[in-house]
Amino acid sequence: MSNDTSSLTLQDLEFLRRPLHGFLSVAGGPLPPQPRPVWFEATDEGTIQLFTAPDSLKVRRLRRDPRASIVVAAPVGERERWVSVAGRTTVEPGGAHDLCTRLAARYWDLDDPTRADDLAGILAEDQVRLVIHPESVSRYTY
């Protein structure tokens, strides 16, 4: 395992741009933390962003304590690999629907009418964008 106290490497970004699920944990929750699977996007600036409803439990917790982490692992059948990012998280009012549209195209087949309807339903609701600003990055490759 190697640690870089603040940033993602090019290899991390390449890995994180695959359609993998991340497991998000936020501070202020139950002990032990209860990670939730999420869609996410690693940005060129080295942040991690995702979208959620503005009144979700994770947003309420992040408004009290902005610390969060996300862990992303390679799927079964590949060599073991994971990246963990932890840091301060901001709740951004703009850009969530664009992010949702990009992620839906990454994770779903939008030619499937059911998935296209699912995306339309998400876009019909208010969403906010969560941005994790890395303060600690850990990784493992076997």
N, C-alpha and C. Protein backbone atom coordinates (compact mmCIF):
# COMPACT_ATOMS: atom_id res chain seq x y z
N MET A 1 0.86 -1.17 0.00
CA MET A 1 0.00 0.00 0.00
C MET A 1 0.90 1.22 0.00
N SER A 2 0.47 2.25 -0.75
CA SER A 2 1.21 3.51 -0.71
C SER A 2 0.25 4.62 -0.37
N ASN A 3 0.75 5.65 0.24
CA ASN A 3 -0.07 6.80 0.61
C ASN A 3 0.50 8.05 -0.02
N ASP A 4 -0.35 8.91 -0.48
CA ASP A 4 0.02 10.23 -0.95
C ASP A 4 -0.91 11.15 -0.19
N THR A 5 -0.41 12.03 0.59
CA THR A 5 -1.23 12.76 1.55
C THR A 5 -2.32 13.61 0.93
N SER A 6 -2.24 13.91 -0.37
CA SER A 6 -3.25 14.86 -0.84
C SER A 6 -3.75 14.69 -2.26
N SER A 7 -3.18 13.85 -3.09
CA SER A 7 -3.61 13.88 -4.48
C SER A 7 -3.69 12.51 -5.12
N LEU A 8 -4.48 12.46 -6.17
CA LEU A 8 -4.64 11.26 -6.98
C LEU A 8 -3.56 11.24 -8.05
N THR A 9 -3.02 10.05 -8.34
CA THR A 9 -2.03 9.90 -9.41
C THR A 9 -2.75 9.71 -10.74
N LEU A 10 -2.00 9.76 -11.83
CA LEU A 10 -2.59 9.48 -13.14
C LEU A 10 -3.14 8.06 -13.19
N GLN A 11 -2.45 7.11 -12.54
CA GLN A 11 -2.93 5.72 -12.50
C GLN A 11 -4.23 5.63 -11.69
N ASP A 12 -4.33 6.40 -10.60
CA ASP A 12 -5.57 6.42 -9.83
C ASP A 12 -6.71 6.93 -10.69
N LEU A 13 -6.48 8.05 -11.39
CA LEU A 13 -7.53 8.65 -12.21
C LEU A 13 -7.97 7.69 -13.31
N GLU A 14 -7.03 7.00 -13.93
CA GLU A 14 -7.38 6.02 -14.96
C GLU A 14 -8.29 4.93 -14.38
N PHE A 15 -7.93 4.42 -13.23
CA PHE A 15 -8.72 3.39 -12.55
C PHE A 15 -10.10 3.93 -12.17
N LEU A 16 -10.16 5.13 -11.61
CA LEU A 16 -11.42 5.71 -11.13
C LEU A 16 -12.35 6.14 -12.25
N ARG A 17 -11.87 6.20 -13.46
CA ARG A 17 -12.73 6.59 -14.59
C ARG A 17 -13.45 5.39 -15.19
N ARG A 18 -13.23 4.23 -14.64
CA ARG A 18 -13.96 3.03 -15.06
C ARG A 18 -15.35 3.03 -14.42
N PRO A 19 -16.30 2.30 -14.99
CA PRO A 19 -17.64 2.24 -14.39
C PRO A 19 -17.67 1.29 -13.19
N LEU A 20 -17.08 1.73 -12.10
CA LEU A 20 -17.03 0.97 -10.86
C LEU A 20 -17.87 1.68 -9.82
N HIS A 21 -18.38 0.95 -8.86
CA HIS A 21 -19.09 1.57 -7.75
C HIS A 21 -18.10 1.98 -6.68
N GLY A 22 -18.37 3.13 -6.08
CA GLY A 22 -17.61 3.57 -4.92
C GLY A 22 -18.44 3.33 -3.68
N PHE A 23 -17.79 3.22 -2.54
CA PHE A 23 -18.49 3.05 -1.27
C PHE A 23 -18.20 4.28 -0.43
N LEU A 24 -19.24 5.10 -0.26
CA LEU A 24 -19.14 6.39 0.40
C LEU A 24 -19.47 6.27 1.88
N SER A 25 -18.64 6.87 2.71
CA SER A 25 -18.92 7.00 4.14
C SER A 25 -18.81 8.47 4.49
N VAL A 26 -19.74 8.94 5.32
CA VAL A 26 -19.70 10.33 5.77
C VAL A 26 -19.53 10.35 7.28
N ALA A 27 -18.94 11.44 7.77
CA ALA A 27 -18.76 11.60 9.21
C ALA A 27 -20.12 11.86 9.85
N GLY A 28 -20.16 11.74 11.14
CA GLY A 28 -21.39 12.06 11.86
C GLY A 28 -22.45 11.00 11.76
N GLY A 29 -22.10 9.85 11.25
CA GLY A 29 -23.06 8.78 11.13
C GLY A 29 -22.92 7.78 12.26
N PRO A 30 -23.51 6.62 12.07
CA PRO A 30 -23.44 5.60 13.11
C PRO A 30 -22.02 5.04 13.23
N LEU A 31 -21.75 4.49 14.39
CA LEU A 31 -20.48 3.80 14.61
C LEU A 31 -20.76 2.32 14.67
N PRO A 32 -20.16 1.48 13.89
CA PRO A 32 -19.20 1.82 12.85
C PRO A 32 -19.90 2.47 11.66
N PRO A 33 -19.11 3.17 10.80
CA PRO A 33 -19.70 3.82 9.63
C PRO A 33 -20.46 2.82 8.75
N GLN A 34 -21.44 3.31 8.05
CA GLN A 34 -22.26 2.49 7.17
C GLN A 34 -22.07 2.95 5.72
N PRO A 35 -21.04 2.45 5.02
CA PRO A 35 -20.79 2.88 3.64
C PRO A 35 -21.97 2.53 2.73
N ARG A 36 -22.17 3.36 1.72
CA ARG A 36 -23.22 3.14 0.73
C ARG A 36 -22.61 3.13 -0.66
N PRO A 37 -23.04 2.21 -1.54
CA PRO A 37 -22.53 2.20 -2.92
C PRO A 37 -23.07 3.41 -3.68
N VAL A 38 -22.19 4.04 -4.46
CA VAL A 38 -22.56 5.25 -5.20
C VAL A 38 -21.87 5.26 -6.56
N TRP A 39 -22.50 5.99 -7.48
CA TRP A 39 -21.83 6.37 -8.72
C TRP A 39 -20.96 7.57 -8.38
N PHE A 40 -19.87 7.75 -9.10
CA PHE A 40 -18.97 8.87 -8.83
C PHE A 40 -18.22 9.21 -10.10
N GLU A 41 -17.57 10.37 -10.07
CA GLU A 41 -16.71 10.80 -11.16
C GLU A 41 -15.44 11.40 -10.58
N ALA A 42 -14.29 10.97 -11.08
CA ALA A 42 -13.01 11.59 -10.74
C ALA A 42 -12.77 12.70 -11.76
N THR A 43 -12.51 13.90 -11.27
CA THR A 43 -12.34 15.05 -12.16
C THR A 43 -10.88 15.26 -12.53
N ASP A 44 -10.64 16.04 -13.57
CA ASP A 44 -9.27 16.39 -13.96
C ASP A 44 -8.56 17.17 -12.86
N GLU A 45 -9.32 17.84 -12.02
CA GLU A 45 -8.75 18.62 -10.92
C GLU A 45 -8.37 17.73 -9.74
N GLY A 46 -8.71 16.45 -9.80
CA GLY A 46 -8.35 15.53 -8.74
C GLY A 46 -9.37 15.42 -7.62
N THR A 47 -10.57 15.92 -7.83
CA THR A 47 -11.64 15.76 -6.84
C THR A 47 -12.51 14.58 -7.26
N ILE A 48 -13.36 14.16 -6.34
CA ILE A 48 -14.34 13.11 -6.61
C ILE A 48 -15.71 13.75 -6.42
N GLN A 49 -16.60 13.55 -7.40
CA GLN A 49 -17.93 14.14 -7.27
C GLN A 49 -19.01 13.10 -7.52
N LEU A 50 -20.13 13.33 -6.86
CA LEU A 50 -21.31 12.49 -7.00
C LEU A 50 -22.54 13.37 -6.82
N PHE A 51 -23.71 12.81 -7.05
CA PHE A 51 -24.94 13.59 -6.89
C PHE A 51 -25.87 12.88 -5.93
N THR A 52 -26.77 13.67 -5.35
CA THR A 52 -27.75 13.11 -4.41
C THR A 52 -28.87 14.13 -4.22
N ALA A 53 -29.94 13.71 -3.59
CA ALA A 53 -31.05 14.62 -3.27
C ALA A 53 -30.59 15.62 -2.21
N PRO A 54 -31.02 16.86 -2.30
CA PRO A 54 -30.57 17.88 -1.35
C PRO A 54 -31.01 17.64 0.09
N ASP A 55 -32.04 16.83 0.29
CA ASP A 55 -32.52 16.56 1.63
C ASP A 55 -32.12 15.16 2.13
N SER A 56 -31.15 14.55 1.46
CA SER A 56 -30.73 13.20 1.87
C SER A 56 -30.00 13.24 3.21
N LEU A 57 -29.97 12.10 3.86
CA LEU A 57 -29.30 11.98 5.15
C LEU A 57 -27.82 12.34 5.03
N LYS A 58 -27.17 11.90 3.93
CA LYS A 58 -25.75 12.20 3.78
C LYS A 58 -25.50 13.69 3.68
N VAL A 59 -26.38 14.43 3.02
CA VAL A 59 -26.22 15.89 2.93
C VAL A 59 -26.41 16.53 4.31
N ARG A 60 -27.40 16.08 5.04
CA ARG A 60 -27.61 16.63 6.39
C ARG A 60 -26.38 16.38 7.27
N ARG A 61 -25.82 15.20 7.18
CA ARG A 61 -24.62 14.91 7.97
C ARG A 61 -23.42 15.72 7.50
N LEU A 62 -23.26 15.86 6.18
CA LEU A 62 -22.13 16.64 5.66
C LEU A 62 -22.23 18.12 6.00
N ARG A 63 -23.42 18.62 6.14
CA ARG A 63 -23.57 20.03 6.54
C ARG A 63 -23.11 20.24 7.98
N ARG A 64 -23.23 19.20 8.82
CA ARG A 64 -22.76 19.28 10.21
C ARG A 64 -21.25 19.02 10.30
N ASP A 65 -20.77 18.09 9.48
CA ASP A 65 -19.36 17.69 9.51
C ASP A 65 -18.98 17.29 8.09
N PRO A 66 -18.16 18.08 7.40
CA PRO A 66 -17.93 17.87 5.97
C PRO A 66 -16.96 16.74 5.60
N ARG A 67 -16.57 15.92 6.56
CA ARG A 67 -15.63 14.85 6.23
C ARG A 67 -16.34 13.65 5.59
N ALA A 68 -15.71 13.12 4.54
CA ALA A 68 -16.24 11.94 3.87
C ALA A 68 -15.10 11.15 3.26
N SER A 69 -15.38 9.90 2.94
CA SER A 69 -14.40 9.08 2.23
C SER A 69 -15.13 8.19 1.23
N ILE A 70 -14.39 7.81 0.22
CA ILE A 70 -14.91 6.88 -0.78
C ILE A 70 -13.82 5.85 -1.06
N VAL A 71 -14.23 4.60 -1.16
CA VAL A 71 -13.33 3.50 -1.50
C VAL A 71 -13.87 2.87 -2.77
N VAL A 72 -12.97 2.64 -3.73
CA VAL A 72 -13.33 2.01 -5.00
C VAL A 72 -12.40 0.81 -5.18
N ALA A 73 -12.99 -0.35 -5.48
CA ALA A 73 -12.20 -1.58 -5.63
C ALA A 73 -12.43 -2.19 -7.00
N ALA A 74 -11.41 -2.89 -7.48
CA ALA A 74 -11.53 -3.63 -8.74
C ALA A 74 -12.53 -4.77 -8.55
N PRO A 75 -13.23 -5.15 -9.61
CA PRO A 75 -14.20 -6.24 -9.48
C PRO A 75 -13.53 -7.60 -9.36
N VAL A 76 -14.31 -8.56 -8.89
CA VAL A 76 -13.85 -9.95 -8.79
C VAL A 76 -13.39 -10.39 -10.18
N GLY A 77 -12.31 -11.15 -10.21
CA GLY A 77 -11.78 -11.63 -11.47
C GLY A 77 -10.58 -10.83 -11.94
N GLU A 78 -10.38 -9.64 -11.37
CA GLU A 78 -9.20 -8.83 -11.66
C GLU A 78 -8.26 -8.92 -10.48
N ARG A 79 -7.02 -8.56 -10.73
CA ARG A 79 -6.05 -8.49 -9.62
C ARG A 79 -6.56 -7.48 -8.61
N GLU A 80 -6.26 -7.73 -7.35
CA GLU A 80 -6.74 -6.87 -6.27
C GLU A 80 -6.16 -5.47 -6.43
N ARG A 81 -7.06 -4.50 -6.30
CA ARG A 81 -6.67 -3.10 -6.41
C ARG A 81 -7.77 -2.26 -5.79
N TRP A 82 -7.39 -1.22 -5.06
CA TRP A 82 -8.37 -0.27 -4.54
C TRP A 82 -7.72 1.08 -4.35
N VAL A 83 -8.57 2.09 -4.34
CA VAL A 83 -8.17 3.47 -4.05
C VAL A 83 -9.16 4.02 -3.03
N SER A 84 -8.63 4.68 -2.01
CA SER A 84 -9.45 5.31 -0.98
C SER A 84 -9.11 6.80 -0.95
N VAL A 85 -10.14 7.63 -0.97
CA VAL A 85 -9.97 9.08 -0.93
C VAL A 85 -10.78 9.61 0.25
N ALA A 86 -10.15 10.41 1.09
CA ALA A 86 -10.84 11.01 2.22
C ALA A 86 -10.54 12.50 2.23
N GLY A 87 -11.53 13.29 2.63
CA GLY A 87 -11.30 14.73 2.72
C GLY A 87 -12.57 15.49 3.00
N ARG A 88 -12.40 16.80 2.98
CA ARG A 88 -13.51 17.73 3.19
C ARG A 88 -14.41 17.68 1.95
N THR A 89 -15.70 17.71 2.20
CA THR A 89 -16.69 17.62 1.12
C THR A 89 -17.53 18.88 1.09
N THR A 90 -17.74 19.40 -0.11
CA THR A 90 -18.63 20.55 -0.28
C THR A 90 -19.92 20.09 -0.95
N VAL A 91 -21.00 20.76 -0.62
CA VAL A 91 -22.31 20.51 -1.23
C VAL A 91 -22.54 21.65 -2.21
N GLU A 92 -22.55 21.33 -3.50
CA GLU A 92 -22.65 22.33 -4.55
C GLU A 92 -24.04 22.30 -5.19
N PRO A 93 -24.70 23.46 -5.30
CA PRO A 93 -26.05 23.47 -5.86
C PRO A 93 -26.09 23.26 -7.38
N GLY A 94 -25.02 23.58 -8.08
CA GLY A 94 -25.04 23.49 -9.54
C GLY A 94 -24.30 22.28 -10.07
N GLY A 95 -24.66 21.89 -11.28
CA GLY A 95 -23.94 20.85 -11.99
C GLY A 95 -24.38 19.43 -11.73
N ALA A 96 -25.33 19.23 -10.82
CA ALA A 96 -25.72 17.86 -10.47
C ALA A 96 -26.42 17.13 -11.62
N HIS A 97 -27.30 17.82 -12.35
CA HIS A 97 -28.01 17.14 -13.43
C HIS A 97 -27.07 16.77 -14.57
N ASP A 98 -26.11 17.65 -14.89
CA ASP A 98 -25.12 17.31 -15.92
C ASP A 98 -24.30 16.10 -15.48
N LEU A 99 -23.88 16.10 -14.22
CA LEU A 99 -23.12 14.97 -13.68
C LEU A 99 -23.95 13.70 -13.74
N CYS A 100 -25.19 13.78 -13.33
CA CYS A 100 -26.08 12.62 -13.35
C CYS A 100 -26.20 12.05 -14.77
N THR A 101 -26.35 12.92 -15.75
CA THR A 101 -26.48 12.49 -17.14
C THR A 101 -25.21 11.77 -17.60
N ARG A 102 -24.04 12.34 -17.27
CA ARG A 102 -22.78 11.69 -17.65
C ARG A 102 -22.64 10.33 -16.98
N LEU A 103 -22.95 10.27 -15.69
CA LEU A 103 -22.80 9.01 -14.97
C LEU A 103 -23.79 7.96 -15.43
N ALA A 104 -25.01 8.36 -15.72
CA ALA A 104 -26.00 7.40 -16.22
C ALA A 104 -25.52 6.77 -17.52
N ALA A 105 -24.92 7.57 -18.39
CA ALA A 105 -24.38 7.04 -19.66
C ALA A 105 -23.21 6.10 -19.40
N ARG A 106 -22.49 6.31 -18.32
CA ARG A 106 -21.34 5.46 -17.98
C ARG A 106 -21.79 4.13 -17.36
N TYR A 107 -22.82 4.17 -16.54
CA TYR A 107 -23.24 2.99 -15.79
C TYR A 107 -24.41 2.22 -16.43
N TRP A 108 -25.21 2.88 -17.22
CA TRP A 108 -26.41 2.26 -17.80
C TRP A 108 -26.36 2.29 -19.32
N ASP A 109 -27.12 1.42 -19.94
CA ASP A 109 -27.37 1.46 -21.38
C ASP A 109 -28.60 2.34 -21.58
N LEU A 110 -28.39 3.58 -21.98
CA LEU A 110 -29.51 4.52 -22.10
C LEU A 110 -30.34 4.29 -23.36
N ASP A 111 -29.94 3.32 -24.20
CA ASP A 111 -30.81 2.90 -25.31
C ASP A 111 -31.94 2.01 -24.79
N ASP A 112 -31.79 1.50 -23.60
CA ASP A 112 -32.83 0.71 -22.94
C ASP A 112 -33.89 1.71 -22.45
N PRO A 113 -35.13 1.61 -22.93
CA PRO A 113 -36.18 2.56 -22.55
C PRO A 113 -36.42 2.64 -21.04
N THR A 114 -36.27 1.53 -20.36
CA THR A 114 -36.47 1.54 -18.90
C THR A 114 -35.42 2.41 -18.23
N ARG A 115 -34.15 2.25 -18.65
CA ARG A 115 -33.08 3.06 -18.07
C ARG A 115 -33.22 4.53 -18.46
N ALA A 116 -33.63 4.79 -19.69
CA ALA A 116 -33.84 6.18 -20.12
C ALA A 116 -34.94 6.82 -19.26
N ASP A 117 -36.00 6.06 -18.97
CA ASP A 117 -37.08 6.57 -18.10
C ASP A 117 -36.57 6.78 -16.67
N ASP A 118 -35.70 5.87 -16.20
CA ASP A 118 -35.11 6.03 -14.86
C ASP A 118 -34.32 7.33 -14.79
N LEU A 119 -33.53 7.60 -15.82
CA LEU A 119 -32.75 8.84 -15.85
C LEU A 119 -33.67 10.06 -15.88
N ALA A 120 -34.71 10.01 -16.68
CA ALA A 120 -35.66 11.13 -16.74
C ALA A 120 -36.28 11.38 -15.37
N GLY A 121 -36.58 10.33 -14.63
CA GLY A 121 -37.13 10.47 -13.29
C GLY A 121 -36.16 11.15 -12.34
N ILE A 122 -34.89 10.76 -12.41
CA ILE A 122 -33.87 11.39 -11.56
C ILE A 122 -33.72 12.87 -11.92
N LEU A 123 -33.70 13.16 -13.22
CA LEU A 123 -33.51 14.54 -13.66
C LEU A 123 -34.72 15.42 -13.36
N ALA A 124 -35.87 14.81 -13.11
CA ALA A 124 -37.07 15.58 -12.77
C ALA A 124 -37.03 16.06 -11.31
N GLU A 125 -36.10 15.52 -10.53
CA GLU A 125 -36.00 15.88 -9.11
C GLU A 125 -34.82 16.80 -8.87
N ASP A 126 -34.88 17.57 -7.79
CA ASP A 126 -33.74 18.40 -7.40
C ASP A 126 -32.59 17.50 -6.99
N GLN A 127 -31.39 17.89 -7.37
CA GLN A 127 -30.19 17.16 -7.00
C GLN A 127 -29.11 18.18 -6.63
N VAL A 128 -28.19 17.78 -5.79
CA VAL A 128 -27.00 18.58 -5.51
C VAL A 128 -25.78 17.73 -5.84
N ARG A 129 -24.67 18.41 -5.99
CA ARG A 129 -23.41 17.74 -6.30
C ARG A 129 -22.53 17.75 -5.05
N LEU A 130 -22.05 16.58 -4.67
CA LEU A 130 -21.11 16.47 -3.56
C LEU A 130 -19.71 16.37 -4.15
N VAL A 131 -18.78 17.16 -3.63
CA VAL A 131 -17.40 17.17 -4.13
C VAL A 131 -16.46 16.87 -2.97
N ILE A 132 -15.75 15.75 -3.08
CA ILE A 132 -14.75 15.39 -2.08
C ILE A 132 -13.42 15.97 -2.52
N HIS A 133 -12.84 16.80 -1.66
CA HIS A 133 -11.54 17.43 -1.90
C HIS A 133 -10.50 16.60 -1.15
N PRO A 134 -9.69 15.80 -1.87
CA PRO A 134 -8.80 14.86 -1.20
C PRO A 134 -7.81 15.53 -0.23
N GLU A 135 -7.76 14.97 0.96
CA GLU A 135 -6.75 15.32 1.95
C GLU A 135 -5.86 14.12 2.21
N SER A 136 -6.40 12.92 1.95
CA SER A 136 -5.65 11.69 2.13
C SER A 136 -6.07 10.71 1.04
N VAL A 137 -5.08 10.16 0.36
CA VAL A 137 -5.33 9.16 -0.66
C VAL A 137 -4.49 7.93 -0.33
N SER A 138 -5.15 6.79 -0.27
CA SER A 138 -4.46 5.52 -0.06
C SER A 138 -4.80 4.61 -1.23
N ARG A 139 -3.89 3.72 -1.54
CA ARG A 139 -4.14 2.82 -2.67
C ARG A 139 -3.43 1.49 -2.42
N TYR A 140 -3.92 0.47 -3.09
CA TYR A 140 -3.29 -0.84 -3.02
C TYR A 140 -3.42 -1.50 -4.38
N THR A 141 -2.34 -2.08 -4.83
CA THR A 141 -2.34 -2.88 -6.06
C THR A 141 -1.55 -4.14 -5.78
N TYR A 142 -2.12 -5.28 -6.09
CA TYR A 142 -1.42 -6.54 -5.86
C TYR A 142 -0.74 -6.97 -7.14
